[in-house]
Amino acid sequence: LYNPGTEAVDVGGWFLSDNPEDLTEYQIAEGTVIDAGGYLTFDETDVPFAFSSSCGDELILSVADAGGLTGARDFVEFGPVETGVPYGRVSQLSTGVTRLSGPSRGGGNAAALVGPVVINEIMYHPPDPDLGITVDTEFVELYNAGDSAVDLYSDFSDYGVHPWKLRGGIGFEFPVGTTMAAD
């Protein structure tokens, strides 16, 4: 947890959960304070839940006072993630998480880890086509900036093989077995 404010914040009695149906899975110990600009770290030995890297998960921070939950919350949701790769917010304004270039426990997050596959170009509102052209000229172009081919699907062994997907205005699922060559 990060306190971007200019004053310390007492988070004692607040809750962490990975379950929107039970916001009170873990209560932060009374008297726990995050200094201005400071960080507070929890790991799997502290909380009674674990994140699902193969299916994705969410984390909810709920503010509480002596009367119970106040309704103020912070929420972050993430899809399937790679084992051994840290994820975090790259700015205070970000609501989602992204792959980070390295761990940063107890300090500001490392830079975002980009690629090797990146969105290279988007044509979301092309000019009207010439007469006789019936092709939809909207497109998204991906680029593999890496030195080796990248599978556009993930094999989570016991959880199955899942294709990469484009979402958010576009609904596309890459066929399992699709590979993108280097460069």
N, C-alpha and C. Protein backbone atom coordinates (compact mmCIF):
# COMPACT_ATOMS: atom_id res chain seq x y z
N LEU A 1 0.86 -1.17 0.00
CA LEU A 1 0.00 0.00 0.00
C LEU A 1 0.90 1.23 0.00
N TYR A 2 0.44 2.28 -0.65
CA TYR A 2 1.22 3.50 -0.78
C TYR A 2 0.37 4.68 -0.31
N ASN A 3 0.97 5.56 0.49
CA ASN A 3 0.32 6.78 0.94
C ASN A 3 0.92 7.95 0.15
N PRO A 4 0.21 8.45 -0.88
CA PRO A 4 0.75 9.56 -1.66
C PRO A 4 0.56 10.92 -1.00
N GLY A 5 -0.10 10.95 0.14
CA GLY A 5 -0.41 12.21 0.81
C GLY A 5 0.76 12.83 1.53
N THR A 6 0.49 14.00 2.12
CA THR A 6 1.53 14.75 2.84
C THR A 6 1.45 14.52 4.35
N GLU A 7 0.48 13.71 4.78
CA GLU A 7 0.35 13.38 6.21
C GLU A 7 0.24 11.87 6.37
N ALA A 8 0.66 11.38 7.52
CA ALA A 8 0.55 9.95 7.83
C ALA A 8 -0.92 9.54 7.85
N VAL A 9 -1.18 8.28 7.51
CA VAL A 9 -2.55 7.76 7.51
C VAL A 9 -2.60 6.52 8.40
N ASP A 10 -3.54 6.52 9.34
CA ASP A 10 -3.75 5.36 10.20
C ASP A 10 -4.67 4.39 9.47
N VAL A 11 -4.14 3.26 9.04
CA VAL A 11 -4.93 2.25 8.31
C VAL A 11 -5.32 1.10 9.23
N GLY A 12 -5.06 1.22 10.52
CA GLY A 12 -5.44 0.19 11.48
C GLY A 12 -6.94 -0.04 11.46
N GLY A 13 -7.34 -1.28 11.35
CA GLY A 13 -8.76 -1.63 11.30
C GLY A 13 -9.32 -1.70 9.90
N TRP A 14 -8.56 -1.24 8.88
CA TRP A 14 -9.02 -1.34 7.50
C TRP A 14 -8.91 -2.80 7.06
N PHE A 15 -9.47 -3.12 5.90
CA PHE A 15 -9.51 -4.51 5.43
C PHE A 15 -8.91 -4.67 4.05
N LEU A 16 -8.30 -5.84 3.83
CA LEU A 16 -7.85 -6.29 2.51
C LEU A 16 -8.61 -7.57 2.17
N SER A 17 -8.96 -7.72 0.91
CA SER A 17 -9.67 -8.92 0.48
C SER A 17 -9.43 -9.15 -1.00
N ASP A 18 -9.53 -10.40 -1.42
CA ASP A 18 -9.54 -10.71 -2.85
C ASP A 18 -10.91 -11.23 -3.25
N ASN A 19 -11.91 -10.99 -2.42
CA ASN A 19 -13.25 -11.51 -2.65
C ASN A 19 -14.29 -10.40 -2.46
N PRO A 20 -14.92 -9.93 -3.55
CA PRO A 20 -15.91 -8.87 -3.41
C PRO A 20 -17.13 -9.29 -2.58
N GLU A 21 -17.31 -10.58 -2.37
CA GLU A 21 -18.43 -11.07 -1.55
C GLU A 21 -18.10 -11.05 -0.06
N ASP A 22 -16.81 -10.92 0.27
CA ASP A 22 -16.37 -10.86 1.67
C ASP A 22 -15.24 -9.84 1.79
N LEU A 23 -15.59 -8.60 1.99
CA LEU A 23 -14.60 -7.52 2.03
C LEU A 23 -13.76 -7.52 3.30
N THR A 24 -14.09 -8.38 4.26
CA THR A 24 -13.41 -8.37 5.55
C THR A 24 -12.51 -9.59 5.76
N GLU A 25 -11.93 -10.13 4.70
CA GLU A 25 -11.08 -11.32 4.81
C GLU A 25 -9.87 -11.10 5.72
N TYR A 26 -9.27 -9.93 5.65
CA TYR A 26 -8.08 -9.67 6.47
C TYR A 26 -8.17 -8.25 7.02
N GLN A 27 -8.06 -8.13 8.34
CA GLN A 27 -8.10 -6.81 8.96
C GLN A 27 -6.68 -6.39 9.34
N ILE A 28 -6.31 -5.20 8.92
CA ILE A 28 -4.99 -4.65 9.22
C ILE A 28 -4.95 -4.31 10.71
N ALA A 29 -3.85 -4.65 11.35
CA ALA A 29 -3.72 -4.48 12.81
C ALA A 29 -3.93 -3.03 13.24
N GLU A 30 -4.62 -2.89 14.35
CA GLU A 30 -4.85 -1.56 14.93
C GLU A 30 -3.51 -0.86 15.15
N GLY A 31 -3.51 0.45 14.96
CA GLY A 31 -2.29 1.23 15.18
C GLY A 31 -1.32 1.22 14.02
N THR A 32 -1.67 0.55 12.90
CA THR A 32 -0.79 0.53 11.73
C THR A 32 -0.90 1.86 11.00
N VAL A 33 0.23 2.51 10.81
CA VAL A 33 0.26 3.83 10.19
C VAL A 33 1.20 3.78 8.99
N ILE A 34 0.77 4.43 7.89
CA ILE A 34 1.65 4.59 6.72
C ILE A 34 2.06 6.06 6.69
N ASP A 35 3.35 6.31 6.82
CA ASP A 35 3.87 7.67 6.80
C ASP A 35 3.58 8.33 5.46
N ALA A 36 3.60 9.67 5.43
CA ALA A 36 3.43 10.41 4.19
C ALA A 36 4.48 9.95 3.19
N GLY A 37 4.04 9.61 1.99
CA GLY A 37 4.96 9.12 0.97
C GLY A 37 5.49 7.73 1.26
N GLY A 38 4.93 7.04 2.27
CA GLY A 38 5.43 5.74 2.69
C GLY A 38 4.68 4.56 2.11
N TYR A 39 5.22 3.39 2.40
CA TYR A 39 4.70 2.12 1.88
C TYR A 39 4.46 1.15 3.03
N LEU A 40 3.50 0.25 2.83
CA LEU A 40 3.23 -0.84 3.77
C LEU A 40 3.06 -2.09 2.93
N THR A 41 3.84 -3.12 3.26
CA THR A 41 3.86 -4.33 2.46
C THR A 41 3.28 -5.52 3.22
N PHE A 42 2.50 -6.33 2.51
CA PHE A 42 1.97 -7.58 3.04
C PHE A 42 2.41 -8.68 2.09
N ASP A 43 2.67 -9.88 2.61
CA ASP A 43 2.95 -11.01 1.73
C ASP A 43 2.04 -12.16 2.09
N GLU A 44 2.24 -13.29 1.43
CA GLU A 44 1.32 -14.42 1.60
C GLU A 44 1.30 -15.00 3.01
N THR A 45 2.29 -14.67 3.82
CA THR A 45 2.26 -15.15 5.21
C THR A 45 1.42 -14.23 6.10
N ASP A 46 1.08 -13.04 5.60
CA ASP A 46 0.30 -12.09 6.38
C ASP A 46 -1.20 -12.23 6.19
N VAL A 47 -1.62 -12.49 4.97
CA VAL A 47 -3.05 -12.49 4.64
C VAL A 47 -3.55 -13.92 4.43
N PRO A 48 -4.85 -14.17 4.66
CA PRO A 48 -5.38 -15.53 4.55
C PRO A 48 -5.85 -15.90 3.14
N PHE A 49 -5.36 -15.22 2.14
CA PHE A 49 -5.75 -15.54 0.76
C PHE A 49 -4.53 -15.47 -0.12
N ALA A 50 -4.64 -16.08 -1.29
CA ALA A 50 -3.55 -16.06 -2.27
C ALA A 50 -4.13 -15.65 -3.61
N PHE A 51 -3.34 -14.96 -4.39
CA PHE A 51 -3.81 -14.56 -5.71
C PHE A 51 -3.68 -15.70 -6.70
N SER A 52 -4.57 -15.75 -7.67
CA SER A 52 -4.53 -16.75 -8.72
C SER A 52 -3.81 -16.16 -9.92
N SER A 53 -2.60 -16.64 -10.19
CA SER A 53 -1.86 -16.09 -11.32
C SER A 53 -2.41 -16.61 -12.64
N SER A 54 -2.94 -17.81 -12.66
CA SER A 54 -3.40 -18.37 -13.93
C SER A 54 -4.77 -17.88 -14.34
N CYS A 55 -5.58 -17.46 -13.42
CA CYS A 55 -6.94 -17.00 -13.75
C CYS A 55 -7.13 -15.51 -13.55
N GLY A 56 -6.20 -14.85 -12.89
CA GLY A 56 -6.39 -13.44 -12.55
C GLY A 56 -7.10 -13.33 -11.21
N ASP A 57 -7.18 -12.13 -10.69
CA ASP A 57 -7.78 -11.94 -9.37
C ASP A 57 -8.04 -10.45 -9.18
N GLU A 58 -8.40 -10.09 -7.97
CA GLU A 58 -8.58 -8.69 -7.62
C GLU A 58 -8.13 -8.49 -6.18
N LEU A 59 -7.87 -7.23 -5.84
CA LEU A 59 -7.53 -6.87 -4.48
C LEU A 59 -8.35 -5.65 -4.12
N ILE A 60 -8.98 -5.71 -2.95
CA ILE A 60 -9.84 -4.62 -2.50
C ILE A 60 -9.33 -4.14 -1.15
N LEU A 61 -9.09 -2.84 -1.04
CA LEU A 61 -8.73 -2.19 0.22
C LEU A 61 -9.97 -1.42 0.67
N SER A 62 -10.51 -1.77 1.83
CA SER A 62 -11.72 -1.14 2.33
C SER A 62 -11.42 -0.35 3.60
N VAL A 63 -11.81 0.91 3.60
CA VAL A 63 -11.64 1.77 4.76
C VAL A 63 -12.69 1.38 5.80
N ALA A 64 -12.26 1.35 7.07
CA ALA A 64 -13.18 1.03 8.16
C ALA A 64 -12.89 1.95 9.34
N ASP A 65 -13.92 2.14 10.15
CA ASP A 65 -13.76 2.84 11.42
C ASP A 65 -14.43 2.00 12.49
N ALA A 66 -14.54 2.51 13.67
CA ALA A 66 -15.11 1.73 14.78
C ALA A 66 -16.52 1.23 14.47
N GLY A 67 -17.22 1.91 13.56
CA GLY A 67 -18.57 1.51 13.19
C GLY A 67 -18.62 0.49 12.07
N GLY A 68 -17.48 0.11 11.53
CA GLY A 68 -17.45 -0.87 10.44
C GLY A 68 -16.98 -0.23 9.14
N LEU A 69 -17.26 -0.90 8.02
CA LEU A 69 -16.85 -0.43 6.70
C LEU A 69 -17.49 0.92 6.41
N THR A 70 -16.71 1.86 5.88
CA THR A 70 -17.23 3.20 5.60
C THR A 70 -17.76 3.34 4.18
N GLY A 71 -17.40 2.43 3.31
CA GLY A 71 -17.79 2.51 1.90
C GLY A 71 -16.67 3.00 1.01
N ALA A 72 -15.64 3.63 1.57
CA ALA A 72 -14.50 4.08 0.77
C ALA A 72 -13.61 2.88 0.44
N ARG A 73 -13.24 2.73 -0.84
CA ARG A 73 -12.46 1.57 -1.26
C ARG A 73 -11.49 1.92 -2.36
N ASP A 74 -10.45 1.11 -2.46
CA ASP A 74 -9.59 1.09 -3.63
C ASP A 74 -9.66 -0.33 -4.15
N PHE A 75 -9.67 -0.48 -5.46
CA PHE A 75 -9.89 -1.78 -6.08
C PHE A 75 -8.96 -1.89 -7.28
N VAL A 76 -8.32 -3.03 -7.41
CA VAL A 76 -7.53 -3.30 -8.61
C VAL A 76 -7.83 -4.73 -9.04
N GLU A 77 -7.98 -4.90 -10.34
CA GLU A 77 -8.29 -6.21 -10.91
C GLU A 77 -7.24 -6.52 -11.96
N PHE A 78 -6.84 -7.78 -12.06
CA PHE A 78 -5.87 -8.16 -13.07
C PHE A 78 -6.22 -9.52 -13.63
N GLY A 79 -5.87 -9.72 -14.90
CA GLY A 79 -6.09 -11.00 -15.57
C GLY A 79 -4.96 -11.96 -15.26
N PRO A 80 -4.85 -13.04 -16.03
CA PRO A 80 -3.76 -14.00 -15.81
C PRO A 80 -2.40 -13.31 -15.86
N VAL A 81 -1.51 -13.69 -14.96
CA VAL A 81 -0.19 -13.07 -14.89
C VAL A 81 0.89 -14.14 -14.92
N GLU A 82 2.08 -13.73 -15.32
CA GLU A 82 3.21 -14.65 -15.38
C GLU A 82 3.78 -14.88 -13.99
N THR A 83 4.15 -16.10 -13.71
CA THR A 83 4.80 -16.42 -12.44
C THR A 83 6.17 -15.77 -12.41
N GLY A 84 6.51 -15.16 -11.28
CA GLY A 84 7.83 -14.58 -11.11
C GLY A 84 7.99 -13.19 -11.71
N VAL A 85 6.93 -12.61 -12.23
CA VAL A 85 6.99 -11.26 -12.80
C VAL A 85 6.17 -10.34 -11.90
N PRO A 86 6.77 -9.27 -11.37
CA PRO A 86 5.99 -8.36 -10.52
C PRO A 86 5.02 -7.53 -11.35
N TYR A 87 3.90 -7.22 -10.74
CA TYR A 87 2.86 -6.39 -11.37
C TYR A 87 2.54 -5.24 -10.43
N GLY A 88 2.22 -4.08 -10.96
CA GLY A 88 1.87 -2.96 -10.13
C GLY A 88 1.37 -1.79 -10.95
N ARG A 89 0.94 -0.75 -10.26
CA ARG A 89 0.52 0.48 -10.91
C ARG A 89 1.76 1.26 -11.32
N VAL A 90 1.70 1.91 -12.46
CA VAL A 90 2.85 2.69 -12.91
C VAL A 90 2.64 4.18 -12.70
N SER A 91 1.46 4.58 -12.24
CA SER A 91 1.24 5.97 -11.85
C SER A 91 0.12 5.99 -10.82
N GLN A 92 0.05 7.06 -10.06
CA GLN A 92 -1.00 7.18 -9.05
C GLN A 92 -2.38 7.24 -9.69
N LEU A 93 -2.45 7.66 -10.94
CA LEU A 93 -3.73 7.81 -11.61
C LEU A 93 -4.22 6.51 -12.24
N SER A 94 -3.35 5.54 -12.35
CA SER A 94 -3.70 4.28 -12.98
C SER A 94 -4.63 3.46 -12.10
N THR A 95 -5.64 2.87 -12.71
CA THR A 95 -6.54 2.01 -11.95
C THR A 95 -6.19 0.54 -12.14
N GLY A 96 -5.38 0.23 -13.11
CA GLY A 96 -5.01 -1.15 -13.38
C GLY A 96 -3.55 -1.41 -13.06
N VAL A 97 -3.15 -2.65 -13.25
CA VAL A 97 -1.77 -3.03 -13.01
C VAL A 97 -1.14 -3.49 -14.32
N THR A 98 0.17 -3.38 -14.38
CA THR A 98 0.90 -3.80 -15.55
C THR A 98 2.17 -4.52 -15.09
N ARG A 99 2.79 -5.24 -16.00
CA ARG A 99 4.06 -5.91 -15.70
C ARG A 99 5.11 -4.86 -15.38
N LEU A 100 5.92 -5.14 -14.36
CA LEU A 100 6.99 -4.21 -13.97
C LEU A 100 8.34 -4.80 -14.34
N SER A 101 9.31 -3.93 -14.57
CA SER A 101 10.64 -4.38 -14.98
C SER A 101 11.42 -5.03 -13.85
N GLY A 102 10.95 -4.92 -12.62
CA GLY A 102 11.61 -5.57 -11.49
C GLY A 102 10.80 -5.37 -10.23
N PRO A 103 11.11 -6.14 -9.18
CA PRO A 103 10.40 -5.97 -7.92
C PRO A 103 10.80 -4.64 -7.26
N SER A 104 9.90 -4.13 -6.44
CA SER A 104 10.17 -2.84 -5.79
C SER A 104 9.57 -2.80 -4.39
N ARG A 105 9.63 -3.90 -3.71
CA ARG A 105 9.02 -4.02 -2.38
C ARG A 105 9.49 -2.90 -1.46
N GLY A 106 8.51 -2.20 -0.87
CA GLY A 106 8.81 -1.15 0.09
C GLY A 106 9.20 0.17 -0.52
N GLY A 107 9.08 0.32 -1.84
CA GLY A 107 9.44 1.56 -2.51
C GLY A 107 8.59 1.79 -3.73
N GLY A 108 8.87 2.87 -4.44
CA GLY A 108 8.13 3.17 -5.67
C GLY A 108 8.29 2.06 -6.68
N ASN A 109 7.25 1.84 -7.47
CA ASN A 109 7.28 0.77 -8.45
C ASN A 109 8.33 1.01 -9.52
N ALA A 110 8.92 -0.08 -9.98
CA ALA A 110 9.85 -0.03 -11.10
C ALA A 110 9.08 0.37 -12.35
N ALA A 111 9.79 0.68 -13.41
CA ALA A 111 9.16 1.05 -14.68
C ALA A 111 8.37 -0.12 -15.24
N ALA A 112 7.41 0.21 -16.09
CA ALA A 112 6.62 -0.82 -16.75
C ALA A 112 7.52 -1.66 -17.65
N LEU A 113 7.26 -2.95 -17.67
CA LEU A 113 7.97 -3.88 -18.56
C LEU A 113 7.13 -3.99 -19.82
N VAL A 114 7.64 -3.48 -20.89
CA VAL A 114 6.88 -3.44 -22.14
C VAL A 114 7.38 -4.52 -23.07
N GLY A 115 6.43 -5.19 -23.71
CA GLY A 115 6.75 -6.15 -24.76
C GLY A 115 7.11 -7.52 -24.26
N PRO A 116 7.60 -8.36 -25.11
CA PRO A 116 8.08 -7.98 -26.43
C PRO A 116 6.96 -7.67 -27.43
N VAL A 117 5.74 -8.19 -27.22
CA VAL A 117 4.65 -7.87 -28.14
C VAL A 117 3.97 -6.60 -27.67
N VAL A 118 3.88 -5.62 -28.56
CA VAL A 118 3.28 -4.33 -28.23
C VAL A 118 2.24 -3.96 -29.30
N ILE A 119 1.30 -3.10 -28.91
CA ILE A 119 0.40 -2.51 -29.90
C ILE A 119 1.21 -1.45 -30.63
N ASN A 120 1.39 -1.64 -31.92
CA ASN A 120 2.24 -0.78 -32.72
C ASN A 120 1.46 0.32 -33.42
N GLU A 121 0.24 0.03 -33.85
CA GLU A 121 -0.54 1.02 -34.59
C GLU A 121 -2.02 0.68 -34.46
N ILE A 122 -2.84 1.72 -34.42
CA ILE A 122 -4.29 1.55 -34.37
C ILE A 122 -4.92 2.49 -35.39
N MET A 123 -5.84 1.97 -36.19
CA MET A 123 -6.66 2.80 -37.06
C MET A 123 -8.09 2.58 -36.59
N TYR A 124 -8.61 3.53 -35.79
CA TYR A 124 -9.91 3.33 -35.17
C TYR A 124 -11.03 4.08 -35.87
N HIS A 125 -10.73 5.05 -36.73
CA HIS A 125 -11.77 5.76 -37.46
C HIS A 125 -11.21 6.21 -38.80
N PRO A 126 -11.15 5.27 -39.75
CA PRO A 126 -10.55 5.61 -41.04
C PRO A 126 -11.46 6.53 -41.84
N PRO A 127 -10.89 7.19 -42.85
CA PRO A 127 -11.74 8.01 -43.72
C PRO A 127 -12.72 7.12 -44.48
N ASP A 128 -13.77 7.70 -44.98
CA ASP A 128 -14.74 6.93 -45.76
C ASP A 128 -14.04 6.27 -46.94
N PRO A 129 -14.37 4.99 -47.19
CA PRO A 129 -13.69 4.28 -48.29
C PRO A 129 -14.17 4.79 -49.65
N ASP A 130 -13.34 4.54 -50.66
CA ASP A 130 -13.73 4.88 -52.03
C ASP A 130 -14.91 4.02 -52.45
N LEU A 131 -15.63 4.46 -53.43
CA LEU A 131 -16.76 3.70 -53.96
C LEU A 131 -16.31 2.30 -54.36
N GLY A 132 -17.13 1.33 -54.04
CA GLY A 132 -16.85 -0.05 -54.42
C GLY A 132 -16.01 -0.82 -53.41
N ILE A 133 -15.42 -0.15 -52.42
CA ILE A 133 -14.62 -0.84 -51.40
C ILE A 133 -15.54 -1.20 -50.24
N THR A 134 -15.57 -2.48 -49.90
CA THR A 134 -16.45 -2.93 -48.82
C THR A 134 -15.68 -3.44 -47.61
N VAL A 135 -14.37 -3.32 -47.65
CA VAL A 135 -13.54 -3.81 -46.55
C VAL A 135 -13.55 -2.80 -45.40
N ASP A 136 -13.74 -3.28 -44.18
CA ASP A 136 -13.65 -2.41 -43.00
C ASP A 136 -12.17 -2.14 -42.77
N THR A 137 -11.75 -0.90 -42.91
CA THR A 137 -10.33 -0.59 -42.85
C THR A 137 -9.84 -0.25 -41.44
N GLU A 138 -10.66 -0.47 -40.40
CA GLU A 138 -10.17 -0.31 -39.04
C GLU A 138 -9.23 -1.48 -38.73
N PHE A 139 -8.16 -1.21 -37.97
CA PHE A 139 -7.24 -2.30 -37.65
C PHE A 139 -6.43 -1.99 -36.40
N VAL A 140 -5.87 -3.05 -35.85
CA VAL A 140 -4.89 -2.97 -34.77
C VAL A 140 -3.69 -3.77 -35.26
N GLU A 141 -2.51 -3.16 -35.15
CA GLU A 141 -1.29 -3.84 -35.58
C GLU A 141 -0.44 -4.13 -34.36
N LEU A 142 -0.06 -5.39 -34.19
CA LEU A 142 0.84 -5.80 -33.12
C LEU A 142 2.24 -5.96 -33.69
N TYR A 143 3.24 -5.78 -32.84
CA TYR A 143 4.63 -5.92 -33.25
C TYR A 143 5.38 -6.70 -32.18
N ASN A 144 6.17 -7.68 -32.60
CA ASN A 144 7.04 -8.43 -31.69
C ASN A 144 8.43 -7.82 -31.78
N ALA A 145 8.79 -7.01 -30.79
CA ALA A 145 10.09 -6.34 -30.77
C ALA A 145 11.19 -7.25 -30.21
N GLY A 146 10.84 -8.47 -29.86
CA GLY A 146 11.80 -9.38 -29.26
C GLY A 146 12.67 -10.10 -30.26
N ASP A 147 13.60 -10.90 -29.72
CA ASP A 147 14.55 -11.65 -30.53
C ASP A 147 14.07 -13.05 -30.88
N SER A 148 12.92 -13.45 -30.33
CA SER A 148 12.41 -14.80 -30.62
C SER A 148 10.90 -14.75 -30.79
N ALA A 149 10.38 -15.81 -31.35
CA ALA A 149 8.94 -15.92 -31.58
C ALA A 149 8.19 -15.93 -30.25
N VAL A 150 6.95 -15.45 -30.26
CA VAL A 150 6.11 -15.41 -29.07
C VAL A 150 4.80 -16.13 -29.37
N ASP A 151 4.44 -17.07 -28.52
CA ASP A 151 3.15 -17.73 -28.63
C ASP A 151 2.06 -16.76 -28.19
N LEU A 152 0.99 -16.63 -28.95
CA LEU A 152 -0.11 -15.74 -28.60
C LEU A 152 -1.19 -16.51 -27.86
N TYR A 153 -0.73 -17.36 -26.98
CA TYR A 153 -1.58 -18.15 -26.08
C TYR A 153 -0.72 -18.55 -24.90
N SER A 154 -1.37 -18.92 -23.79
CA SER A 154 -0.64 -19.32 -22.59
C SER A 154 -1.09 -20.70 -22.18
N ASP A 155 -0.12 -21.55 -21.85
CA ASP A 155 -0.42 -22.90 -21.37
C ASP A 155 -0.26 -22.91 -19.86
N PHE A 156 -1.39 -22.98 -19.14
CA PHE A 156 -1.39 -22.99 -17.68
C PHE A 156 -1.52 -24.41 -17.14
N SER A 157 -1.01 -25.37 -17.87
CA SER A 157 -1.02 -26.80 -17.53
C SER A 157 -2.37 -27.25 -16.97
N ASP A 158 -2.51 -27.37 -15.67
CA ASP A 158 -3.74 -27.90 -15.07
C ASP A 158 -4.97 -27.05 -15.39
N TYR A 159 -4.76 -25.78 -15.70
CA TYR A 159 -5.88 -24.86 -15.97
C TYR A 159 -6.18 -24.73 -17.46
N GLY A 160 -5.40 -25.41 -18.30
CA GLY A 160 -5.67 -25.41 -19.73
C GLY A 160 -4.86 -24.39 -20.51
N VAL A 161 -5.08 -24.43 -21.80
CA VAL A 161 -4.42 -23.52 -22.73
C VAL A 161 -5.41 -22.41 -23.06
N HIS A 162 -4.97 -21.16 -22.88
CA HIS A 162 -5.86 -20.02 -23.08
C HIS A 162 -5.27 -19.06 -24.11
N PRO A 163 -6.09 -18.65 -25.09
CA PRO A 163 -5.60 -17.73 -26.11
C PRO A 163 -5.45 -16.31 -25.58
N TRP A 164 -4.55 -15.55 -26.19
CA TRP A 164 -4.48 -14.13 -25.92
C TRP A 164 -5.72 -13.48 -26.52
N LYS A 165 -6.15 -12.37 -25.94
CA LYS A 165 -7.37 -11.70 -26.39
C LYS A 165 -7.14 -10.20 -26.49
N LEU A 166 -7.82 -9.57 -27.41
CA LEU A 166 -7.91 -8.12 -27.47
C LEU A 166 -9.30 -7.77 -26.97
N ARG A 167 -9.40 -6.84 -26.03
CA ARG A 167 -10.69 -6.45 -25.46
C ARG A 167 -10.74 -4.94 -25.30
N GLY A 168 -11.94 -4.42 -25.15
CA GLY A 168 -12.12 -2.98 -24.94
C GLY A 168 -12.37 -2.28 -26.26
N GLY A 169 -13.53 -2.45 -26.84
CA GLY A 169 -13.84 -1.87 -28.14
C GLY A 169 -13.55 -2.84 -29.26
N ILE A 170 -12.70 -3.81 -29.00
CA ILE A 170 -12.36 -4.86 -29.96
C ILE A 170 -12.62 -6.18 -29.26
N GLY A 171 -13.21 -7.11 -29.96
CA GLY A 171 -13.38 -8.44 -29.42
C GLY A 171 -12.70 -9.43 -30.34
N PHE A 172 -11.46 -9.79 -30.02
CA PHE A 172 -10.74 -10.75 -30.86
C PHE A 172 -9.97 -11.71 -29.97
N GLU A 173 -10.01 -12.98 -30.34
CA GLU A 173 -9.30 -14.03 -29.63
C GLU A 173 -8.38 -14.72 -30.64
N PHE A 174 -7.08 -14.74 -30.35
CA PHE A 174 -6.14 -15.39 -31.25
C PHE A 174 -6.34 -16.90 -31.18
N PRO A 175 -6.37 -17.59 -32.31
CA PRO A 175 -6.50 -19.04 -32.26
C PRO A 175 -5.32 -19.66 -31.50
N VAL A 176 -5.61 -20.65 -30.67
CA VAL A 176 -4.55 -21.35 -29.95
C VAL A 176 -3.60 -21.94 -31.00
N GLY A 177 -2.32 -21.76 -30.78
CA GLY A 177 -1.31 -22.23 -31.73
C GLY A 177 -0.72 -21.08 -32.54
N THR A 178 -1.32 -19.89 -32.45
CA THR A 178 -0.80 -18.74 -33.18
C THR A 178 0.51 -18.28 -32.56
N THR A 179 1.51 -18.08 -33.39
CA THR A 179 2.83 -17.63 -32.95
C THR A 179 3.22 -16.41 -33.78
N MET A 180 3.84 -15.43 -33.13
CA MET A 180 4.30 -14.22 -33.82
C MET A 180 5.82 -14.28 -33.89
N ALA A 181 6.34 -14.20 -35.11
CA ALA A 181 7.79 -14.25 -35.30
C ALA A 181 8.48 -13.02 -34.73
N ALA A 182 9.75 -13.14 -34.43
CA ALA A 182 10.55 -12.00 -33.97
C ALA A 182 10.57 -10.92 -35.03
N ASP A 183 10.59 -9.66 -34.58
CA ASP A 183 10.65 -8.50 -35.47
C ASP A 183 9.54 -8.53 -36.51
